[in-house]
Amino acid sequence: MSTTTDFIIDSCVSVWVELSFLAFFLLGFFVLRVDVWGRLLKSKAKKGKVTKSFDAALLRKVEEEAASGHAAAVLRAWRRGQARALTPEDLLKPVVQAFLENEPASLVPEILAHLKLHQDNLNERAVQVSILDAVARSGNIKIMVELWDAFYEELDMQRSLSTYEVILGGFASAGLPAKVKEHMNKMSRDLFTTGSQLSPRGFSLVIKGYLKNGLVDDIFHGIYAMSQAGYVVPPFAVGQFFRVASEKQRLPEMFDLVQASSQIITNQEALCAVFEECAKTINLELAQKAEKSLRTLNTPIDEKTYDALLKVYTLAGDAKALDIFKEMQASEHGVSEGLCVGLLARCAEGKFLTFAEEIVRFCRDRKGMSIAVYSALMKVYAFSGMYDKACDLYDQILSEGLEPDSMMYGCLMK
């Protein structure tokens, strides 16, 4: 009997030991994990709370006054409803803009107080982006930085890639590349373990800001970094970069850098910008380099690019203009009267008589000798000092039943 009793007691003891281990494990996981319970309770409280909507009448009032440019009225309407409900994200921008225009000193304290009041209902990322974007676009870097710090330090909001990209664009737009670099490094430490990686939108915001300020070297580095990250740089941005480089008298240098980089893709739109800038300075050497790049694309040349090519070669008085003119005739693009008149005007500037006569021959073959074409041809003769030929055109014009214009009479008077 004693042996049986001892056996039962020993068995129960082992079971109680196992149960004790299980109890302590559950206690440690569920009771001592205060942070888990805190998050659960906070989540339940948040779900249980009824979210109030911003007063519809006041919302319309804010939108109407913002559309009319009445900043003071926007703020009056917003203040009447801001304590009762969180401002919708799409309404935050006009409200912030109204503060910037009318009461910039009140923006930070009032917006922060409003967000604190409704912090349980915030979509942190969307709210930060809306507010910071509006301030960044205004160029008020002081307020942008103040809000950026306050969101993190006072409201305990998390910084995200989207919010970083907005302030990077703000610094770039203000012409502060050193600040862009500084916050790129911060972003790398905050968000990534192995270097930073902007989105295409982030790169575009930075490049756009640099373009606005004519920061040639920084634009190039931004375009190169975007290409290296595996994104396609918008052709418009590359074209604008070439225009900015031309304004700074650095287009040949920057074009060579882009061409030397296997990362940056230059398409027809960007090369067209190079031709247009070459025409302004009559840089034939660079135009020839750009045309060589254009031909390697193996894509049909569009009308705008043909026009830019013809313009630069015509102003330079280069015989290549005749070849391109014939190439354009054979293409899918029609040669209009307006193009012929424009080319004749450029022939006058460059005294390019050979090409002018080719254009007139083309017009005659298609019975397109209008008064505008005759007028432009007379200008070519006048600029070239061939006044006899200019006068001879007068009789020809009358014989075809056309009426000379004022420009022709001016040439004849000379």
Protein backbone atom coordinates (compact mmCIF):
# COMPACT_ATOMS: atom_id res chain seq x y z
CA MET A 1 0.00 0.00 0.00
CA SER A 2 2.82 2.36 0.93
CA THR A 3 4.57 1.66 -2.39
CA THR A 4 1.41 2.47 -4.35
CA THR A 5 0.91 5.71 -2.42
CA ASP A 6 4.52 6.76 -2.98
CA PHE A 7 4.17 6.05 -6.70
CA ILE A 8 1.05 8.25 -6.97
CA ILE A 9 2.70 11.08 -5.04
CA ASP A 10 5.87 10.95 -7.21
CA SER A 11 3.74 11.04 -10.38
CA CYS A 12 1.75 14.05 -9.20
CA VAL A 13 4.92 15.89 -8.22
CA SER A 14 6.36 15.53 -11.74
CA VAL A 15 3.09 16.77 -13.25
CA TRP A 16 3.00 19.78 -10.90
CA VAL A 17 6.57 20.62 -11.85
CA GLU A 18 5.63 20.63 -15.55
CA LEU A 19 2.54 22.73 -14.85
CA SER A 20 4.61 25.20 -12.83
CA PHE A 21 7.04 25.64 -15.72
CA LEU A 22 4.10 26.28 -18.08
CA ALA A 23 2.51 28.76 -15.66
CA PHE A 24 5.71 30.75 -15.25
CA PHE A 25 6.26 30.75 -19.03
CA LEU A 26 2.77 32.16 -19.62
CA LEU A 27 3.28 34.69 -16.83
CA GLY A 28 6.53 35.87 -18.37
CA PHE A 29 5.11 36.11 -21.89
CA PHE A 30 1.73 37.71 -21.26
CA VAL A 31 1.95 39.49 -17.91
CA LEU A 32 5.50 40.79 -17.87
CA ARG A 33 5.37 41.95 -21.57
CA VAL A 34 3.87 45.30 -20.57
CA ASP A 35 4.70 46.81 -23.98
CA VAL A 36 2.56 44.18 -25.73
CA TRP A 37 -0.38 44.84 -23.45
CA GLY A 38 0.14 48.56 -23.84
CA ARG A 39 -0.01 48.35 -27.61
CA LEU A 40 -3.04 46.09 -27.52
CA LEU A 41 -4.91 48.36 -25.12
CA LYS A 42 -3.93 51.45 -27.12
CA SER A 43 -5.08 49.78 -30.34
CA LYS A 44 -8.42 48.80 -28.79
CA ALA A 45 -8.92 52.28 -27.41
CA LYS A 46 -8.15 53.79 -30.77
CA LYS A 47 -10.57 51.45 -32.54
CA GLY A 48 -13.25 52.09 -29.98
CA LYS A 49 -12.99 55.85 -30.30
CA VAL A 50 -15.41 57.51 -32.72
CA THR A 51 -13.54 59.66 -35.25
CA LYS A 52 -15.26 62.99 -35.83
CA SER A 53 -15.35 64.46 -39.31
CA PHE A 54 -14.38 68.03 -40.03
CA ASP A 55 -17.48 70.22 -40.32
CA ALA A 56 -18.67 69.99 -43.95
CA ALA A 57 -19.75 73.63 -44.17
CA LEU A 58 -16.44 74.87 -42.79
CA LEU A 59 -14.55 72.51 -45.09
CA ARG A 60 -16.30 74.02 -48.13
CA LYS A 61 -15.64 77.51 -46.76
CA VAL A 62 -11.92 76.80 -46.44
CA GLU A 63 -11.78 75.41 -50.00
CA GLU A 64 -13.70 78.36 -51.47
CA GLU A 65 -11.62 81.00 -49.69
CA ALA A 66 -8.38 79.21 -50.62
CA ALA A 67 -9.43 79.14 -54.29
CA SER A 68 -10.12 82.90 -54.08
CA GLY A 69 -6.77 83.60 -52.45
CA HIS A 70 -8.24 84.89 -49.18
CA ALA A 71 -5.70 83.62 -46.67
CA ALA A 72 -7.16 85.39 -43.62
CA ALA A 73 -10.64 83.98 -44.33
CA VAL A 74 -9.18 80.48 -44.71
CA LEU A 75 -7.65 80.70 -41.24
CA ARG A 76 -10.84 82.06 -39.68
CA ALA A 77 -12.90 79.17 -41.05
CA TRP A 78 -10.27 76.58 -40.09
CA ARG A 79 -9.97 77.88 -36.52
CA ARG A 80 -13.72 77.53 -36.04
CA GLY A 81 -13.58 73.79 -36.73
CA GLN A 82 -10.06 72.63 -35.92
CA ALA A 83 -10.69 71.84 -32.24
CA ARG A 84 -13.66 69.55 -32.96
CA ALA A 85 -12.06 67.33 -35.60
CA LEU A 86 -8.80 66.55 -37.36
CA THR A 87 -8.22 68.50 -40.57
CA PRO A 88 -8.49 66.22 -43.63
CA GLU A 89 -5.12 65.66 -45.31
CA ASP A 90 -6.14 67.34 -48.58
CA LEU A 91 -7.21 70.42 -46.61
CA LEU A 92 -3.93 70.73 -44.72
CA LYS A 93 -2.05 72.22 -47.70
CA PRO A 94 -4.34 75.24 -48.24
CA VAL A 95 -4.43 75.85 -44.49
CA VAL A 96 -0.62 75.74 -44.24
CA GLN A 97 -0.32 77.99 -47.29
CA ALA A 98 -2.71 80.48 -45.68
CA PHE A 99 -0.54 80.54 -42.55
CA LEU A 100 2.58 81.10 -44.65
CA GLU A 101 0.97 83.99 -46.51
CA ASN A 102 -0.82 85.66 -43.63
CA GLU A 103 0.55 84.52 -40.25
CA PRO A 104 3.83 82.61 -40.67
CA ALA A 105 4.76 83.04 -36.99
CA SER A 106 1.57 81.23 -35.93
CA LEU A 107 1.98 78.24 -38.23
CA VAL A 108 4.16 75.98 -36.08
CA PRO A 109 2.47 76.44 -32.69
CA GLU A 110 -1.09 76.23 -34.02
CA ILE A 111 -0.52 73.27 -36.34
CA LEU A 112 1.34 71.36 -33.61
CA ALA A 113 -1.41 72.08 -31.08
CA HIS A 114 -4.03 70.86 -33.57
CA LEU A 115 -2.13 67.63 -34.27
CA LYS A 116 -1.55 66.96 -30.57
CA LEU A 117 -5.27 67.40 -29.94
CA HIS A 118 -6.15 64.74 -32.52
CA GLN A 119 -3.02 62.60 -32.31
CA ASP A 120 -4.93 59.33 -31.89
CA ASN A 121 -6.52 59.76 -35.34
CA LEU A 122 -3.41 60.79 -37.28
CA ASN A 123 -2.08 59.13 -40.38
CA GLU A 124 1.44 60.21 -39.45
CA ARG A 125 3.14 59.78 -42.79
CA ALA A 126 0.42 61.47 -44.86
CA VAL A 127 0.09 64.39 -42.44
CA GLN A 128 3.83 65.03 -42.34
CA VAL A 129 4.15 64.87 -46.13
CA SER A 130 1.20 67.24 -46.72
CA ILE A 131 2.45 69.87 -44.30
CA LEU A 132 6.16 69.65 -45.11
CA ASP A 133 5.50 69.67 -48.86
CA ALA A 134 3.46 72.87 -48.65
CA VAL A 135 6.18 74.59 -46.60
CA ALA A 136 9.01 73.27 -48.78
CA ARG A 137 7.33 74.58 -51.93
CA SER A 138 7.05 78.03 -50.34
CA GLY A 139 10.82 78.13 -49.83
CA ASN A 140 10.52 78.82 -46.09
CA ILE A 141 13.33 76.52 -44.98
CA LYS A 142 13.37 77.81 -41.40
CA ILE A 143 9.76 76.74 -40.78
CA MET A 144 10.26 73.49 -42.68
CA VAL A 145 13.15 72.48 -40.40
CA GLU A 146 11.26 73.61 -37.29
CA LEU A 147 8.29 71.40 -38.20
CA TRP A 148 10.56 68.52 -39.19
CA ASP A 149 12.19 68.54 -35.75
CA ALA A 150 8.91 69.09 -33.87
CA PHE A 151 7.15 66.16 -35.55
CA TYR A 152 9.88 63.85 -34.26
CA GLU A 153 10.70 65.40 -30.89
CA GLU A 154 7.29 66.67 -29.70
CA LEU A 155 4.80 64.40 -31.46
CA ASP A 156 6.99 61.29 -31.52
CA MET A 157 6.22 60.74 -35.21
CA GLN A 158 8.36 58.33 -37.17
CA ARG A 159 10.40 59.64 -40.09
CA SER A 160 9.86 57.82 -43.36
CA LEU A 161 11.32 57.78 -46.85
CA SER A 162 8.46 60.00 -48.05
CA THR A 163 9.08 62.66 -45.41
CA TYR A 164 12.83 62.62 -46.01
CA GLU A 165 12.28 63.06 -49.75
CA VAL A 166 10.09 66.11 -49.17
CA ILE A 167 12.68 67.95 -47.09
CA LEU A 168 15.50 66.93 -49.45
CA GLY A 169 13.49 68.53 -52.25
CA GLY A 170 12.97 71.61 -50.08
CA PHE A 171 16.69 72.03 -49.42
CA ALA A 172 17.49 71.49 -53.12
CA SER A 173 14.86 74.04 -54.13
CA ALA A 174 16.45 76.54 -51.76
CA GLY A 175 19.85 75.92 -53.39
CA LEU A 176 21.38 74.18 -50.36
CA PRO A 177 23.22 71.09 -51.68
CA ALA A 178 25.23 70.75 -48.45
CA LYS A 179 21.98 70.34 -46.49
CA VAL A 180 20.76 67.79 -49.03
CA LYS A 181 23.92 65.76 -48.50
CA GLU A 182 23.67 66.07 -44.71
CA HIS A 183 20.09 64.79 -44.61
CA MET A 184 20.84 62.06 -47.13
CA ASN A 185 23.39 60.76 -44.62
CA LYS A 186 20.83 61.03 -41.80
CA MET A 187 18.30 59.15 -43.89
CA SER A 188 20.84 56.42 -44.50
CA ARG A 189 21.42 56.04 -40.76
CA ASP A 190 17.73 56.25 -39.82
CA LEU A 191 16.17 54.05 -42.46
CA PHE A 192 18.77 51.84 -44.09
CA THR A 193 21.55 49.55 -43.01
CA THR A 194 23.48 49.69 -46.29
CA GLY A 195 23.28 53.12 -47.85
CA SER A 196 20.33 55.29 -48.84
CA GLN A 197 18.03 54.66 -51.78
CA LEU A 198 15.69 57.41 -52.88
CA SER A 199 12.62 56.65 -54.94
CA PRO A 200 12.28 58.09 -58.47
CA ARG A 201 10.10 60.83 -56.98
CA GLY A 202 12.78 61.69 -54.43
CA PHE A 203 15.50 61.93 -57.05
CA SER A 204 13.22 64.05 -59.26
CA LEU A 205 12.48 66.50 -56.42
CA VAL A 206 16.19 66.99 -55.74
CA ILE A 207 17.13 67.36 -59.42
CA LYS A 208 14.25 69.78 -59.99
CA GLY A 209 15.47 71.93 -57.08
CA TYR A 210 19.01 72.00 -58.44
CA LEU A 211 17.71 72.90 -61.92
CA LYS A 212 15.80 75.81 -60.45
CA ASN A 213 19.02 77.18 -58.94
CA GLY A 214 21.29 76.44 -61.90
CA LEU A 215 23.63 74.22 -59.86
CA VAL A 216 25.29 72.49 -62.81
CA ASP A 217 27.59 70.11 -60.94
CA ASP A 218 24.93 69.10 -58.43
CA ILE A 219 22.41 68.49 -61.23
CA PHE A 220 24.88 66.19 -62.93
CA HIS A 221 25.57 64.26 -59.71
CA GLY A 222 21.83 63.94 -59.08
CA ILE A 223 21.17 62.63 -62.59
CA TYR A 224 24.11 60.25 -62.34
CA ALA A 225 22.96 58.94 -58.93
CA MET A 226 19.42 58.40 -60.22
CA SER A 227 20.73 56.46 -63.22
CA GLN A 228 23.09 54.44 -61.04
CA ALA A 229 20.16 53.50 -58.81
CA GLY A 230 18.56 51.84 -61.82
CA TYR A 231 15.96 54.50 -62.61
CA VAL A 232 15.39 56.22 -65.95
CA VAL A 233 15.98 59.96 -65.68
CA PRO A 234 13.07 61.87 -67.28
CA PRO A 235 14.23 63.13 -70.72
CA PHE A 236 12.86 66.56 -69.87
CA ALA A 237 15.22 66.76 -66.88
CA VAL A 238 18.26 65.86 -68.99
CA GLY A 239 17.21 68.43 -71.59
CA GLN A 240 16.80 71.10 -68.91
CA PHE A 241 20.21 70.16 -67.53
CA PHE A 242 21.78 70.85 -70.94
CA ARG A 243 19.97 74.20 -71.12
CA VAL A 244 21.21 75.21 -67.66
CA ALA A 245 24.75 74.11 -68.58
CA SER A 246 24.49 76.27 -71.72
CA GLU A 247 23.45 79.31 -69.66
CA LYS A 248 26.51 78.75 -67.48
CA GLN A 249 28.65 78.34 -70.62
CA ARG A 250 29.49 74.75 -69.69
CA LEU A 251 27.43 72.80 -72.21
CA PRO A 252 30.31 71.16 -74.13
CA GLU A 253 31.91 70.02 -70.85
CA MET A 254 28.66 68.61 -69.43
CA PHE A 255 27.69 66.96 -72.71
CA ASP A 256 31.03 65.14 -72.77
CA LEU A 257 30.54 64.02 -69.15
CA VAL A 258 27.09 62.63 -69.92
CA GLN A 259 28.36 60.87 -73.02
CA ALA A 260 31.26 59.36 -71.07
CA SER A 261 28.86 57.94 -68.50
CA SER A 262 27.37 54.60 -69.45
CA GLN A 263 24.72 55.11 -66.77
CA ILE A 264 22.95 58.19 -68.15
CA ILE A 265 20.71 57.63 -71.15
CA THR A 266 20.32 60.55 -73.56
CA ASN A 267 17.32 60.24 -75.83
CA GLN A 268 16.10 62.38 -78.69
CA GLU A 269 14.31 64.94 -76.50
CA ALA A 270 17.50 65.67 -74.56
CA LEU A 271 19.61 65.87 -77.72
CA CYS A 272 17.09 68.23 -79.29
CA ALA A 273 17.75 70.59 -76.38
CA VAL A 274 21.47 70.43 -77.23
CA PHE A 275 20.77 71.37 -80.87
CA GLU A 276 18.60 74.29 -79.75
CA GLU A 277 21.33 75.57 -77.44
CA CYS A 278 23.99 75.09 -80.15
CA ALA A 279 21.93 77.27 -82.48
CA LYS A 280 22.08 80.12 -79.96
CA THR A 281 25.88 80.09 -79.90
CA ILE A 282 26.36 78.54 -83.37
CA ASN A 283 28.45 75.75 -81.86
CA LEU A 284 28.86 73.54 -84.92
CA GLU A 285 31.36 71.15 -83.31
CA LEU A 286 29.04 70.26 -80.45
CA ALA A 287 26.06 69.97 -82.81
CA GLN A 288 27.98 67.43 -84.87
CA LYS A 289 28.77 65.38 -81.72
CA ALA A 290 25.12 65.48 -80.69
CA GLU A 291 23.98 64.46 -84.17
CA LYS A 292 26.33 61.48 -84.04
CA SER A 293 24.67 60.42 -80.77
CA LEU A 294 21.26 60.97 -82.32
CA ARG A 295 22.05 58.66 -85.23
CA THR A 296 23.13 55.87 -82.84
CA LEU A 297 19.66 55.82 -81.28
CA ASN A 298 18.27 54.24 -84.46
CA THR A 299 14.88 55.88 -83.93
CA PRO A 300 12.89 58.04 -86.37
CA ILE A 301 13.76 61.72 -86.02
CA ASP A 302 10.77 63.83 -85.02
CA GLU A 303 9.78 67.16 -86.54
CA LYS A 304 11.03 69.27 -83.64
CA THR A 305 14.49 67.70 -83.80
CA TYR A 306 14.69 68.15 -87.57
CA ASP A 307 13.84 71.82 -87.09
CA ALA A 308 16.56 72.24 -84.43
CA LEU A 309 19.13 70.45 -86.61
CA LEU A 310 18.28 72.56 -89.65
CA LYS A 311 18.44 75.73 -87.58
CA VAL A 312 21.95 75.16 -86.24
CA TYR A 313 23.42 74.00 -89.57
CA THR A 314 21.72 76.86 -91.44
CA LEU A 315 22.99 79.54 -89.06
CA ALA A 316 26.46 78.00 -89.29
CA GLY A 317 26.24 78.06 -93.09
CA ASP A 318 27.10 74.36 -93.24
CA ALA A 319 26.22 72.35 -96.36
CA LYS A 320 24.91 69.56 -94.09
CA ALA A 321 21.71 71.61 -93.92
CA LEU A 322 20.89 70.64 -97.51
CA ASP A 323 21.26 66.92 -96.72
CA ILE A 324 19.04 67.15 -93.66
CA PHE A 325 16.44 69.15 -95.60
CA LYS A 326 16.28 66.39 -98.23
CA GLU A 327 16.18 63.75 -95.48
CA MET A 328 13.22 65.50 -93.91
CA GLN A 329 11.39 65.60 -97.23
CA ALA A 330 11.77 61.82 -97.48
CA SER A 331 10.56 61.30 -93.91
CA GLU A 332 7.00 61.02 -92.66
CA HIS A 333 7.03 64.70 -91.72
CA GLY A 334 5.73 67.21 -94.22
CA VAL A 335 7.75 70.36 -94.97
CA SER A 336 5.37 73.23 -94.29
CA GLU A 337 5.40 76.75 -95.67
CA GLY A 338 6.11 78.04 -92.17
CA LEU A 339 9.24 75.89 -91.92
CA CYS A 340 10.47 77.12 -95.32
CA VAL A 341 9.92 80.76 -94.36
CA GLY A 342 11.71 80.23 -91.06
CA LEU A 343 14.66 78.54 -92.76
CA LEU A 344 14.90 81.37 -95.31
CA ALA A 345 15.00 83.88 -92.45
CA ARG A 346 17.92 81.93 -90.94
CA CYS A 347 19.62 81.80 -94.32
CA ALA A 348 19.40 85.61 -94.36
CA GLU A 349 21.11 85.83 -90.96
CA GLY A 350 23.90 83.52 -92.09
CA LYS A 351 23.95 84.78 -95.70
CA PHE A 352 23.55 81.14 -96.72
CA LEU A 353 22.47 81.70 -100.32
CA THR A 354 23.00 78.11 -101.55
CA PHE A 355 20.52 76.66 -99.08
CA ALA A 356 18.06 79.53 -99.66
CA GLU A 357 17.92 78.70 -103.37
CA GLU A 358 17.37 75.01 -102.57
CA ILE A 359 14.42 75.90 -100.34
CA VAL A 360 12.94 78.11 -103.09
CA ARG A 361 13.39 75.32 -105.63
CA PHE A 362 11.47 73.00 -103.32
CA CYS A 363 8.65 75.55 -102.97
CA ARG A 364 8.45 76.17 -106.72
CA ASP A 365 8.23 72.44 -107.45
CA ARG A 366 5.21 72.23 -105.15
CA LYS A 367 3.71 75.50 -106.37
CA GLY A 368 4.14 76.95 -102.91
CA MET A 369 5.67 80.34 -103.73
CA SER A 370 3.48 82.48 -101.46
CA ILE A 371 4.03 86.13 -100.60
CA ALA A 372 5.60 84.99 -97.28
CA VAL A 373 8.19 82.87 -99.14
CA TYR A 374 8.95 85.68 -101.60
CA SER A 375 9.31 88.13 -98.73
CA ALA A 376 11.77 85.85 -96.88
CA LEU A 377 13.77 85.31 -100.11
CA MET A 378 13.97 89.05 -100.71
CA LYS A 379 15.34 89.38 -97.19
CA VAL A 380 18.06 86.81 -98.02
CA TYR A 381 19.09 88.84 -101.10
CA ALA A 382 19.03 92.11 -99.14
CA PHE A 383 21.17 90.70 -96.28
CA SER A 384 23.61 89.30 -98.85
CA GLY A 385 23.93 92.70 -100.58
CA MET A 386 22.29 91.39 -103.75
CA TYR A 387 19.90 94.32 -104.20
CA ASP A 388 19.43 93.80 -107.95
CA LYS A 389 18.06 90.31 -107.37
CA ALA A 390 15.82 91.65 -104.61
CA CYS A 391 14.39 94.23 -107.02
CA ASP A 392 13.88 91.62 -109.73
CA LEU A 393 11.64 89.69 -107.39
CA TYR A 394 9.22 92.63 -107.33
CA ASP A 395 8.24 92.24 -110.99
CA GLN A 396 7.98 88.47 -110.58
CA ILE A 397 5.64 88.88 -107.61
CA LEU A 398 3.37 91.25 -109.54
CA SER A 399 3.31 88.94 -112.57
CA GLU A 400 1.99 86.14 -110.34
CA GLY A 401 -0.79 88.37 -109.06
CA LEU A 402 0.60 88.72 -105.52
CA GLU A 403 0.66 91.91 -103.45
CA PRO A 404 4.07 92.88 -101.97
CA ASP A 405 4.13 93.39 -98.20
CA SER A 406 5.70 96.19 -96.13
CA MET A 407 8.97 94.28 -95.65
CA MET A 408 9.41 94.04 -99.41
CA TYR A 409 8.79 97.77 -99.89
CA GLY A 410 11.39 98.40 -97.18
CA CYS A 411 13.97 96.28 -99.02
CA LEU A 412 13.19 98.03 -102.31
CA MET A 413 13.58 101.47 -100.70
CA LYS A 414 17.07 100.47 -99.57
